[in-house]
Amino acid sequence: MKLAWFLPFAFLPVLAQAPSKPAPATAAETQDPDRITLDVTRVNFLFTVSDRKGRFVTDLVKDDFEVVESKKPQNIVEFVAESDLPLRLAILVDTSNSIRDRFKFQQEAAIEFINSVIRPDRDRALVVSFDTAATLVADLTGDTENLAKAVRDMRPGGGTSLYDAIFFACRDKLAQDQPRHKYRRAMVLLSDGDDNQSRYTREQALEMAHKSDVVIYSISTNQTRVETDGDKVLKYLARETGGQSFFPFKATDLAQSFENIANELRHQYSILYRPEPLKTDGLFHKVDIRVKDRKDLIVRARNGYYAPRM
């Protein structure tokens, strides 16, 4: 199914009145009935604010923030301090040959995350394994036992299709629930960061994460204490989407990291604004969200959005 990914935007559906008969389809719609087009007018950002010691700051108001796009200040249309959004999570587990000796560590880490973060009555998670190809081993569910069993049943072997797994999980799963601003979408990626099998590139995977409004939290399986090229990839994906990267040496080291991720996912602000000028060029637009006159505070958010192409 081909999709038009204009997803980082909020849109205003007309629900009050319906036409007496459906409008005639355009030529493009006739040729491609699966194409999804949104009437977009505003950009939405979910983000967190912390101090230099990593403590969340949750008492800020609309006038404390400024949004800058292409060096031009933007007018904030809506502002909400979100405290408890339902989570939509993808847990991606590297099952390639390159991590065979660390596979048990990955399984332990993934199960620990599931048990410590997922609230069965509100949250939904899925599990994807990736080696030569990305495989959905557990679809979106709040059943933590089923999720943990899916992780335990994994077996390592094959190449590494990291970028394909990110692309698939974002496009086909995390981007689906609507309205988009009512859910917090995130991905926990357990891998060494190496890729030798994907059809998609790193930038295409990152683009899909941006368009699906997904924050990536990466957990490296590198236990050498020497930074690798794969570690740099994991840091890059997390930084560009507003997430964090972690480098633990055993599963028990992850408890605090998982608690930090859970707290971050549930303590964020939401800003909506209408870009001025509004561009429909299909390009990536850099955005900087700042706390006015507070250099001691750190805003963690994705660094921009893709405009629709009209």
C-alpha atoms as a PDB file:
ATOM      1  CA  MET A   1       0.000   0.000   0.000  1.00  0.00           C
ATOM      2  CA  LYS A   2       1.439   3.351  -0.994  1.00  0.00           C
ATOM      3  CA  LEU A   3       1.038   6.132   1.564  1.00  0.00           C
ATOM      4  CA  ALA A   4       1.581   9.885   1.394  1.00  0.00           C
ATOM      5  CA  TRP A   5       3.438  10.484   4.641  1.00  0.00           C
ATOM      6  CA  PHE A   6       2.385  13.940   5.789  1.00  0.00           C
ATOM      7  CA  LEU A   7       2.119  12.625   9.322  1.00  0.00           C
ATOM      8  CA  PRO A   8       3.993  15.052  11.609  1.00  0.00           C
ATOM      9  CA  PHE A   9       1.230  17.594  11.010  1.00  0.00           C
ATOM     10  CA  ALA A  10      -2.015  18.059  12.868  1.00  0.00           C
ATOM     11  CA  PHE A  11      -5.053  18.284  10.637  1.00  0.00           C
ATOM     12  CA  LEU A  12      -8.637  19.470  10.956  1.00  0.00           C
ATOM     13  CA  PRO A  13     -11.200  16.958   9.690  1.00  0.00           C
ATOM     14  CA  VAL A  14     -14.679  18.239   8.885  1.00  0.00           C
ATOM     15  CA  LEU A  15     -17.085  16.067  10.878  1.00  0.00           C
ATOM     16  CA  ALA A  16     -20.183  18.184  11.441  1.00  0.00           C
ATOM     17  CA  GLN A  17     -21.686  17.944   7.961  1.00  0.00           C
ATOM     18  CA  ALA A  18     -21.267  15.418   5.180  1.00  0.00           C
ATOM     19  CA  PRO A  19     -22.026  16.118   1.513  1.00  0.00           C
ATOM     20  CA  SER A  20     -25.170  14.521   0.120  1.00  0.00           C
ATOM     21  CA  LYS A  21     -23.054  12.506  -2.265  1.00  0.00           C
ATOM     22  CA  PRO A  22     -19.307  11.786  -2.375  1.00  0.00           C
ATOM     23  CA  ALA A  23     -17.120  14.126  -4.359  1.00  0.00           C
ATOM     24  CA  PRO A  24     -15.800  12.680  -7.609  1.00  0.00           C
ATOM     25  CA  ALA A  25     -12.378  11.105  -7.342  1.00  0.00           C
ATOM     26  CA  THR A  26      -9.428  12.811  -8.923  1.00  0.00           C
ATOM     27  CA  ALA A  27      -7.326  11.040 -11.531  1.00  0.00           C
ATOM     28  CA  ALA A  28      -4.598  10.404  -8.961  1.00  0.00           C
ATOM     29  CA  GLU A  29      -7.102   8.917  -6.488  1.00  0.00           C
ATOM     30  CA  THR A  30      -8.573   6.712  -9.201  1.00  0.00           C
ATOM     31  CA  GLN A  31      -5.150   5.378 -10.124  1.00  0.00           C
ATOM     32  CA  ASP A  32      -3.997   4.963  -6.520  1.00  0.00           C
ATOM     33  CA  PRO A  33      -6.956   4.277  -4.172  1.00  0.00           C
ATOM     34  CA  ASP A  34      -4.659   3.453  -1.237  1.00  0.00           C
ATOM     35  CA  ARG A  35      -3.041   6.905  -1.186  1.00  0.00           C
ATOM     36  CA  ILE A  36      -3.729   8.824   2.038  1.00  0.00           C
ATOM     37  CA  THR A  37      -3.777  12.621   1.844  1.00  0.00           C
ATOM     38  CA  LEU A  38      -4.228  14.861   4.890  1.00  0.00           C
ATOM     39  CA  ASP A  39      -5.417  18.465   4.903  1.00  0.00           C
ATOM     40  CA  VAL A  40      -2.542  19.861   6.926  1.00  0.00           C
ATOM     41  CA  THR A  41      -2.381  23.269   8.534  1.00  0.00           C
ATOM     42  CA  ARG A  42      -0.337  22.923  11.726  1.00  0.00           C
ATOM     43  CA  VAL A  43       2.842  21.274  12.958  1.00  0.00           C
ATOM     44  CA  ASN A  44       2.800  19.342  16.231  1.00  0.00           C
ATOM     45  CA  PHE A  45       5.806  18.679  18.496  1.00  0.00           C
ATOM     46  CA  LEU A  46       5.886  16.560  21.650  1.00  0.00           C
ATOM     47  CA  PHE A  47       9.012  17.173  23.743  1.00  0.00           C
ATOM     48  CA  THR A  48      10.511  17.065  27.212  1.00  0.00           C
ATOM     49  CA  VAL A  49      12.422  19.627  29.265  1.00  0.00           C
ATOM     50  CA  SER A  50      15.036  18.770  31.879  1.00  0.00           C
ATOM     51  CA  ASP A  51      17.721  20.540  33.868  1.00  0.00           C
ATOM     52  CA  ARG A  52      21.432  19.838  33.599  1.00  0.00           C
ATOM     53  CA  LYS A  53      21.129  17.005  36.119  1.00  0.00           C
ATOM     54  CA  GLY A  54      18.482  15.226  34.046  1.00  0.00           C
ATOM     55  CA  ARG A  55      15.523  16.125  36.275  1.00  0.00           C
ATOM     56  CA  PHE A  56      12.303  16.778  34.389  1.00  0.00           C
ATOM     57  CA  VAL A  57      10.837  20.271  34.474  1.00  0.00           C
ATOM     58  CA  THR A  58       7.043  20.058  34.309  1.00  0.00           C
ATOM     59  CA  ASP A  59       5.757  23.465  35.488  1.00  0.00           C
ATOM     60  CA  LEU A  60       6.456  25.589  32.390  1.00  0.00           C
ATOM     61  CA  VAL A  61       3.730  27.485  30.517  1.00  0.00           C
ATOM     62  CA  LYS A  62       3.188  28.557  26.912  1.00  0.00           C
ATOM     63  CA  ASP A  63       4.903  31.933  27.285  1.00  0.00           C
ATOM     64  CA  ASP A  64       8.084  30.232  28.532  1.00  0.00           C
ATOM     65  CA  PHE A  65       8.754  28.777  25.069  1.00  0.00           C
ATOM     66  CA  GLU A  66       9.789  30.032  21.680  1.00  0.00           C
ATOM     67  CA  VAL A  67       9.717  28.100  18.409  1.00  0.00           C
ATOM     68  CA  VAL A  68      12.072  29.027  15.588  1.00  0.00           C
ATOM     69  CA  GLU A  69      11.788  27.622  12.065  1.00  0.00           C
ATOM     70  CA  SER A  70      14.304  28.663   9.398  1.00  0.00           C
ATOM     71  CA  LYS A  71      15.506  31.450  11.733  1.00  0.00           C
ATOM     72  CA  LYS A  72      11.983  32.886  11.975  1.00  0.00           C
ATOM     73  CA  PRO A  73      10.037  32.886  15.286  1.00  0.00           C
ATOM     74  CA  GLN A  74       6.699  31.083  15.042  1.00  0.00           C
ATOM     75  CA  ASN A  75       3.403  31.785  16.783  1.00  0.00           C
ATOM     76  CA  ILE A  76       2.349  28.955  19.105  1.00  0.00           C
ATOM     77  CA  VAL A  77      -1.316  28.154  18.415  1.00  0.00           C
ATOM     78  CA  GLU A  78      -1.843  25.521  21.106  1.00  0.00           C
ATOM     79  CA  PHE A  79       0.146  24.441  24.159  1.00  0.00           C
ATOM     80  CA  VAL A  80      -0.536  21.536  26.506  1.00  0.00           C
ATOM     81  CA  ALA A  81       1.473  20.021  29.347  1.00  0.00           C
ATOM     82  CA  GLU A  82       0.915  16.311  28.653  1.00  0.00           C
ATOM     83  CA  SER A  83       1.420  14.111  31.686  1.00  0.00           C
ATOM     84  CA  ASP A  84       0.090  10.659  30.925  1.00  0.00           C
ATOM     85  CA  LEU A  85      -0.369   9.923  27.230  1.00  0.00           C
ATOM     86  CA  PRO A  86      -0.947   6.279  26.243  1.00  0.00           C
ATOM     87  CA  LEU A  87       2.209   4.782  24.751  1.00  0.00           C
ATOM     88  CA  ARG A  88       2.632   3.106  21.386  1.00  0.00           C
ATOM     89  CA  LEU A  89       5.998   1.355  21.490  1.00  0.00           C
ATOM     90  CA  ALA A  90       8.080  -0.722  19.112  1.00  0.00           C
ATOM     91  CA  ILE A  91      10.783  -2.946  20.593  1.00  0.00           C
ATOM     92  CA  LEU A  92      13.328  -3.852  17.911  1.00  0.00           C
ATOM     93  CA  VAL A  93      15.708  -6.692  18.724  1.00  0.00           C
ATOM     94  CA  ASP A  94      18.795  -7.444  16.635  1.00  0.00           C
ATOM     95  CA  THR A  95      18.901 -11.209  15.938  1.00  0.00           C
ATOM     96  CA  SER A  96      21.783 -11.165  13.458  1.00  0.00           C
ATOM     97  CA  ASN A  97      24.944 -13.265  13.688  1.00  0.00           C
ATOM     98  CA  SER A  98      26.950 -10.188  14.696  1.00  0.00           C
ATOM     99  CA  ILE A  99      25.337 -10.133  18.157  1.00  0.00           C
ATOM    100  CA  ARG A 100      25.143 -13.897  18.774  1.00  0.00           C
ATOM    101  CA  ASP A 101      27.386 -13.762  21.840  1.00  0.00           C
ATOM    102  CA  ARG A 102      25.291 -10.925  23.312  1.00  0.00           C
ATOM    103  CA  PHE A 103      21.865 -12.232  22.350  1.00  0.00           C
ATOM    104  CA  LYS A 104      20.873 -13.386  25.829  1.00  0.00           C
ATOM    105  CA  PHE A 105      21.709  -9.908  27.117  1.00  0.00           C
ATOM    106  CA  GLN A 106      19.398  -8.402  24.492  1.00  0.00           C
ATOM    107  CA  GLN A 107      16.567 -10.733  25.446  1.00  0.00           C
ATOM    108  CA  GLU A 108      16.953  -9.934  29.126  1.00  0.00           C
ATOM    109  CA  ALA A 109      17.026  -6.208  28.374  1.00  0.00           C
ATOM    110  CA  ALA A 110      13.933  -6.311  26.154  1.00  0.00           C
ATOM    111  CA  ILE A 111      11.914  -8.303  28.703  1.00  0.00           C
ATOM    112  CA  GLU A 112      13.008  -6.002  31.520  1.00  0.00           C
ATOM    113  CA  PHE A 113      11.815  -3.020  29.498  1.00  0.00           C
ATOM    114  CA  ILE A 114       8.452  -4.638  28.735  1.00  0.00           C
ATOM    115  CA  ASN A 115       7.798  -5.486  32.383  1.00  0.00           C
ATOM    116  CA  SER A 116       8.916  -2.139  33.765  1.00  0.00           C
ATOM    117  CA  VAL A 117       7.302   0.257  31.278  1.00  0.00           C
ATOM    118  CA  ILE A 118       4.171  -1.243  29.675  1.00  0.00           C
ATOM    119  CA  ARG A 119       0.862  -0.539  31.448  1.00  0.00           C
ATOM    120  CA  PRO A 120      -1.478  -3.217  30.054  1.00  0.00           C
ATOM    121  CA  ASP A 121      -4.616  -1.114  30.467  1.00  0.00           C
ATOM    122  CA  ARG A 122      -3.271   1.908  28.519  1.00  0.00           C
ATOM    123  CA  ASP A 123      -0.181   1.083  26.500  1.00  0.00           C
ATOM    124  CA  ARG A 124       0.437  -1.062  23.451  1.00  0.00           C
ATOM    125  CA  ALA A 125       3.746  -2.470  22.239  1.00  0.00           C
ATOM    126  CA  LEU A 126       4.993  -4.639  19.400  1.00  0.00           C
ATOM    127  CA  VAL A 127       8.166  -6.653  18.951  1.00  0.00           C
ATOM    128  CA  VAL A 128      10.199  -6.842  15.739  1.00  0.00           C
ATOM    129  CA  SER A 129      13.243  -9.046  15.245  1.00  0.00           C
ATOM    130  CA  PHE A 130      15.681  -8.258  12.474  1.00  0.00           C
ATOM    131  CA  ASP A 131      18.478 -10.206  10.857  1.00  0.00           C
ATOM    132  CA  THR A 132      18.411 -10.799   7.095  1.00  0.00           C
ATOM    133  CA  ALA A 133      14.863  -9.350   7.144  1.00  0.00           C
ATOM    134  CA  ALA A 134      12.598  -7.600   9.627  1.00  0.00           C
ATOM    135  CA  THR A 135       9.988  -9.892  11.188  1.00  0.00           C
ATOM    136  CA  LEU A 136       6.966  -8.929  13.281  1.00  0.00           C
ATOM    137  CA  VAL A 137       6.985 -11.453  16.148  1.00  0.00           C
ATOM    138  CA  ALA A 138       4.338  -9.758  18.320  1.00  0.00           C
ATOM    139  CA  ASP A 139       1.803  -7.227  17.066  1.00  0.00           C
ATOM    140  CA  LEU A 140       0.570  -4.235  19.083  1.00  0.00           C
ATOM    141  CA  THR A 141      -0.778  -5.507  22.396  1.00  0.00           C
ATOM    142  CA  GLY A 142      -0.857  -4.648  26.075  1.00  0.00           C
ATOM    143  CA  ASP A 143      -0.312  -8.285  27.082  1.00  0.00           C
ATOM    144  CA  THR A 144       3.167  -8.227  28.632  1.00  0.00           C
ATOM    145  CA  GLU A 145       3.335 -12.023  28.919  1.00  0.00           C
ATOM    146  CA  ASN A 146       2.805 -12.460  25.180  1.00  0.00           C
ATOM    147  CA  LEU A 147       5.375  -9.769  24.435  1.00  0.00           C
ATOM    148  CA  ALA A 148       7.954 -11.384  26.729  1.00  0.00           C
ATOM    149  CA  LYS A 149       7.284 -14.827  25.230  1.00  0.00           C
ATOM    150  CA  ALA A 150       7.860 -13.440  21.731  1.00  0.00           C
ATOM    151  CA  VAL A 151      11.251 -12.157  22.855  1.00  0.00           C
ATOM    152  CA  ARG A 152      12.198 -15.453  24.519  1.00  0.00           C
ATOM    153  CA  ASP A 153      11.318 -17.420  21.390  1.00  0.00           C
ATOM    154  CA  MET A 154      13.732 -15.468  19.171  1.00  0.00           C
ATOM    155  CA  ARG A 155      16.830 -17.163  17.768  1.00  0.00           C
ATOM    156  CA  PRO A 156      19.877 -15.392  16.282  1.00  0.00           C
ATOM    157  CA  GLY A 157      21.213 -15.876  12.771  1.00  0.00           C
ATOM    158  CA  GLY A 158      21.661 -14.115   9.416  1.00  0.00           C
ATOM    159  CA  GLY A 159      22.625 -10.619   8.295  1.00  0.00           C
ATOM    160  CA  THR A 160      21.484  -7.267   9.713  1.00  0.00           C
ATOM    161  CA  SER A 161      18.591  -5.240   8.295  1.00  0.00           C
ATOM    162  CA  LEU A 162      18.450  -2.544  10.989  1.00  0.00           C
ATOM    163  CA  TYR A 163      17.176   0.279   8.763  1.00  0.00           C
ATOM    164  CA  ASP A 164      14.474  -1.890   7.195  1.00  0.00           C
ATOM    165  CA  ALA A 165      13.208  -2.785  10.677  1.00  0.00           C
ATOM    166  CA  ILE A 166      12.983   0.887  11.703  1.00  0.00           C
ATOM    167  CA  PHE A 167      11.233   1.789   8.445  1.00  0.00           C
ATOM    168  CA  PHE A 168       8.699  -1.043   8.778  1.00  0.00           C
ATOM    169  CA  ALA A 169       7.874  -0.457  12.455  1.00  0.00           C
ATOM    170  CA  CYS A 170       7.348   3.274  11.928  1.00  0.00           C
ATOM    171  CA  ARG A 171       5.392   3.162   8.669  1.00  0.00           C
ATOM    172  CA  ASP A 172       3.269   0.059   9.062  1.00  0.00           C
ATOM    173  CA  LYS A 173       2.592   0.054  12.802  1.00  0.00           C
ATOM    174  CA  LEU A 174       3.387   3.079  14.971  1.00  0.00           C
ATOM    175  CA  ALA A 175       1.996   5.642  12.533  1.00  0.00           C
ATOM    176  CA  GLN A 176      -1.461   4.102  12.410  1.00  0.00           C
ATOM    177  CA  ASP A 177      -3.300   5.135  15.597  1.00  0.00           C
ATOM    178  CA  GLN A 178      -5.202   8.418  15.308  1.00  0.00           C
ATOM    179  CA  PRO A 179      -5.432  11.161  16.350  1.00  0.00           C
ATOM    180  CA  ARG A 180      -1.662  11.315  16.384  1.00  0.00           C
ATOM    181  CA  HIS A 181      -1.274  13.877  19.166  1.00  0.00           C
ATOM    182  CA  LYS A 182      -3.169  11.609  21.609  1.00  0.00           C
ATOM    183  CA  TYR A 183      -0.382   9.002  21.724  1.00  0.00           C
ATOM    184  CA  ARG A 184       3.307   9.026  22.487  1.00  0.00           C
ATOM    185  CA  ARG A 185       5.198   6.942  19.897  1.00  0.00           C
ATOM    186  CA  ALA A 186       8.604   5.561  20.687  1.00  0.00           C
ATOM    187  CA  MET A 187      11.018   2.846  19.646  1.00  0.00           C
ATOM    188  CA  VAL A 188      13.486   0.943  21.802  1.00  0.00           C
ATOM    189  CA  LEU A 189      16.277  -0.388  19.617  1.00  0.00           C
ATOM    190  CA  LEU A 190      18.603  -3.112  20.936  1.00  0.00           C
ATOM    191  CA  SER A 191      21.502  -3.609  18.532  1.00  0.00           C
ATOM    192  CA  ASP A 192      25.181  -3.123  17.837  1.00  0.00           C
ATOM    193  CA  GLY A 193      24.173  -0.528  15.212  1.00  0.00           C
ATOM    194  CA  ASP A 194      25.739  -2.313  12.240  1.00  0.00           C
ATOM    195  CA  ASP A 195      23.689  -2.800   9.059  1.00  0.00           C
ATOM    196  CA  ASN A 196      24.672  -4.913   6.051  1.00  0.00           C
ATOM    197  CA  GLN A 197      21.368  -6.118   4.613  1.00  0.00           C
ATOM    198  CA  SER A 198      18.789  -3.302   4.405  1.00  0.00           C
ATOM    199  CA  ARG A 199      17.115  -2.096   1.242  1.00  0.00           C
ATOM    200  CA  TYR A 200      16.479   1.262   2.893  1.00  0.00           C
ATOM    201  CA  THR A 201      19.273   3.627   3.921  1.00  0.00           C
ATOM    202  CA  ARG A 202      19.918   5.158   7.312  1.00  0.00           C
ATOM    203  CA  GLU A 203      18.499   8.483   6.109  1.00  0.00           C
ATOM    204  CA  GLN A 204      15.361   6.850   4.720  1.00  0.00           C
ATOM    205  CA  ALA A 205      14.792   5.085   8.044  1.00  0.00           C
ATOM    206  CA  LEU A 206      15.302   8.367   9.910  1.00  0.00           C
ATOM    207  CA  GLU A 207      12.947  10.165   7.539  1.00  0.00           C
ATOM    208  CA  MET A 208      10.207   7.628   8.226  1.00  0.00           C
ATOM    209  CA  ALA A 209      10.742   8.009  11.989  1.00  0.00           C
ATOM    210  CA  HIS A 210      10.337  11.777  11.589  1.00  0.00           C
ATOM    211  CA  LYS A 211       7.226  11.430   9.456  1.00  0.00           C
ATOM    212  CA  SER A 212       5.706   8.958  11.917  1.00  0.00           C
ATOM    213  CA  ASP A 213       6.598  11.151  14.928  1.00  0.00           C
ATOM    214  CA  VAL A 214       8.602   8.340  16.556  1.00  0.00           C
ATOM    215  CA  VAL A 215      11.283   8.934  19.190  1.00  0.00           C
ATOM    216  CA  ILE A 216      14.123   6.400  19.139  1.00  0.00           C
ATOM    217  CA  TYR A 217      15.853   5.164  22.308  1.00  0.00           C
ATOM    218  CA  SER A 218      18.842   3.036  21.384  1.00  0.00           C
ATOM    219  CA  ILE A 219      20.551   0.488  23.625  1.00  0.00           C
ATOM    220  CA  SER A 220      23.949  -0.649  22.413  1.00  0.00           C
ATOM    221  CA  THR A 221      25.075  -4.249  22.792  1.00  0.00           C
ATOM    222  CA  ASN A 222      28.715  -3.200  22.423  1.00  0.00           C
ATOM    223  CA  GLN A 223      30.474  -4.246  25.613  1.00  0.00           C
ATOM    224  CA  THR A 224      34.056  -3.406  24.631  1.00  0.00           C
ATOM    225  CA  ARG A 225      33.992   0.136  26.119  1.00  0.00           C
ATOM    226  CA  VAL A 226      35.405   1.342  22.790  1.00  0.00           C
ATOM    227  CA  GLU A 227      33.055   3.362  20.585  1.00  0.00           C
ATOM    228  CA  THR A 228      32.296   1.677  17.257  1.00  0.00           C
ATOM    229  CA  ASP A 229      30.760   2.962  14.022  1.00  0.00           C
ATOM    230  CA  GLY A 230      27.583   1.155  15.080  1.00  0.00           C
ATOM    231  CA  ASP A 231      27.513   3.106  18.340  1.00  0.00           C
ATOM    232  CA  LYS A 232      27.732   6.334  16.341  1.00  0.00           C
ATOM    233  CA  VAL A 233      24.729   5.242  14.264  1.00  0.00           C
ATOM    234  CA  LEU A 234      22.705   4.510  17.410  1.00  0.00           C
ATOM    235  CA  LYS A 235      23.610   7.891  18.894  1.00  0.00           C
ATOM    236  CA  TYR A 236      22.685   9.649  15.656  1.00  0.00           C
ATOM    237  CA  LEU A 237      19.246   8.028  15.360  1.00  0.00           C
ATOM    238  CA  ALA A 238      18.414   8.838  18.983  1.00  0.00           C
ATOM    239  CA  ARG A 239      19.670  12.408  18.832  1.00  0.00           C
ATOM    240  CA  GLU A 240      17.888  13.311  15.595  1.00  0.00           C
ATOM    241  CA  THR A 241      14.504  12.026  16.840  1.00  0.00           C
ATOM    242  CA  GLY A 242      14.715  13.558  20.313  1.00  0.00           C
ATOM    243  CA  GLY A 243      15.551  10.329  22.144  1.00  0.00           C
ATOM    244  CA  GLN A 244      18.575   9.031  24.039  1.00  0.00           C
ATOM    245  CA  SER A 245      21.220   6.350  23.591  1.00  0.00           C
ATOM    246  CA  PHE A 246      22.426   3.996  26.322  1.00  0.00           C
ATOM    247  CA  PHE A 247      25.560   1.861  26.640  1.00  0.00           C
ATOM    248  CA  PRO A 248      25.052  -0.671  29.460  1.00  0.00           C
ATOM    249  CA  PHE A 249      27.334  -3.629  30.180  1.00  0.00           C
ATOM    250  CA  LYS A 250      24.813  -5.986  31.754  1.00  0.00           C
ATOM    251  CA  ALA A 251      21.029  -6.200  31.844  1.00  0.00           C
ATOM    252  CA  THR A 252      20.849  -5.145  35.498  1.00  0.00           C
ATOM    253  CA  ASP A 253      22.444  -1.814  34.567  1.00  0.00           C
ATOM    254  CA  LEU A 254      19.332  -0.991  32.560  1.00  0.00           C
ATOM    255  CA  ALA A 255      16.846  -0.518  35.406  1.00  0.00           C
ATOM    256  CA  GLN A 256      17.587   3.177  35.849  1.00  0.00           C
ATOM    257  CA  SER A 257      17.737   3.751  32.096  1.00  0.00           C
ATOM    258  CA  PHE A 258      14.322   2.173  31.598  1.00  0.00           C
ATOM    259  CA  GLU A 259      12.877   4.213  34.441  1.00  0.00           C
ATOM    260  CA  ASN A 260      14.254   7.358  32.799  1.00  0.00           C
ATOM    261  CA  ILE A 261      12.703   6.405  29.455  1.00  0.00           C
ATOM    262  CA  ALA A 262       9.328   5.686  31.052  1.00  0.00           C
ATOM    263  CA  ASN A 263       9.328   8.984  32.938  1.00  0.00           C
ATOM    264  CA  GLU A 264      10.326  10.896  29.834  1.00  0.00           C
ATOM    265  CA  LEU A 265       7.598   9.317  27.725  1.00  0.00           C
ATOM    266  CA  ARG A 266       4.981  10.357  30.267  1.00  0.00           C
ATOM    267  CA  HIS A 267       6.173  13.884  31.039  1.00  0.00           C
ATOM    268  CA  GLN A 268       6.153  16.029  27.961  1.00  0.00           C
ATOM    269  CA  TYR A 269       4.806  19.197  26.490  1.00  0.00           C
ATOM    270  CA  SER A 270       2.848  19.547  23.256  1.00  0.00           C
ATOM    271  CA  ILE A 271       3.131  22.553  20.957  1.00  0.00           C
ATOM    272  CA  LEU A 272       1.185  23.191  17.767  1.00  0.00           C
ATOM    273  CA  TYR A 273       1.891  26.042  15.378  1.00  0.00           C
ATOM    274  CA  ARG A 274       1.104  27.046  11.822  1.00  0.00           C
ATOM    275  CA  PRO A 275       4.361  27.560   9.905  1.00  0.00           C
ATOM    276  CA  GLU A 276       4.829  31.072   8.590  1.00  0.00           C
ATOM    277  CA  PRO A 277       5.303  30.996   5.709  1.00  0.00           C
ATOM    278  CA  LEU A 278       3.524  27.677   5.097  1.00  0.00           C
ATOM    279  CA  LYS A 279       5.569  25.687   2.581  1.00  0.00           C
ATOM    280  CA  THR A 280       4.413  22.581   0.743  1.00  0.00           C
ATOM    281  CA  ASP A 281       7.739  21.643  -0.815  1.00  0.00           C
ATOM    282  CA  GLY A 282       8.128  18.111   0.571  1.00  0.00           C
ATOM    283  CA  LEU A 283      11.424  19.103   2.203  1.00  0.00           C
ATOM    284  CA  PHE A 284      12.764  18.787   5.739  1.00  0.00           C
ATOM    285  CA  HIS A 285      12.407  21.960   7.802  1.00  0.00           C
ATOM    286  CA  LYS A 286      14.649  22.486  10.832  1.00  0.00           C
ATOM    287  CA  VAL A 287      12.898  23.577  14.013  1.00  0.00           C
ATOM    288  CA  ASP A 288      14.383  24.753  17.297  1.00  0.00           C
ATOM    289  CA  ILE A 289      12.285  24.785  20.471  1.00  0.00           C
ATOM    290  CA  ARG A 290      13.786  26.806  23.311  1.00  0.00           C
ATOM    291  CA  VAL A 291      12.944  27.863  26.852  1.00  0.00           C
ATOM    292  CA  LYS A 292      13.273  31.658  26.892  1.00  0.00           C
ATOM    293  CA  ASP A 293      16.159  33.006  28.958  1.00  0.00           C
ATOM    294  CA  ARG A 294      16.860  29.594  30.524  1.00  0.00           C
ATOM    295  CA  LYS A 295      20.156  28.219  29.244  1.00  0.00           C
ATOM    296  CA  ASP A 296      20.186  25.821  32.205  1.00  0.00           C
ATOM    297  CA  LEU A 297      17.273  23.849  30.724  1.00  0.00           C
ATOM    298  CA  ILE A 298      17.509  21.266  27.944  1.00  0.00           C
ATOM    299  CA  VAL A 299      14.713  20.670  25.452  1.00  0.00           C
ATOM    300  CA  ARG A 300      14.697  17.199  23.877  1.00  0.00           C
ATOM    301  CA  ALA A 301      12.648  17.039  20.677  1.00  0.00           C
ATOM    302  CA  ARG A 302      12.988  15.919  17.085  1.00  0.00           C
ATOM    303  CA  ASN A 303      14.911  18.520  15.122  1.00  0.00           C
ATOM    304  CA  GLY A 304      12.344  19.262  12.425  1.00  0.00           C
ATOM    305  CA  TYR A 305       9.585  17.927  10.188  1.00  0.00           C
ATOM    306  CA  TYR A 306       8.876  17.046   6.581  1.00  0.00           C
ATOM    307  CA  ALA A 307       6.452  19.395   4.868  1.00  0.00           C
ATOM    308  CA  PRO A 308       3.842  17.892   2.546  1.00  0.00           C
ATOM    309  CA  ARG A 309       4.256  18.191  -1.185  1.00  0.00           C
ATOM    310  CA  MET A 310       1.173  19.666  -2.803  1.00  0.00           C
END
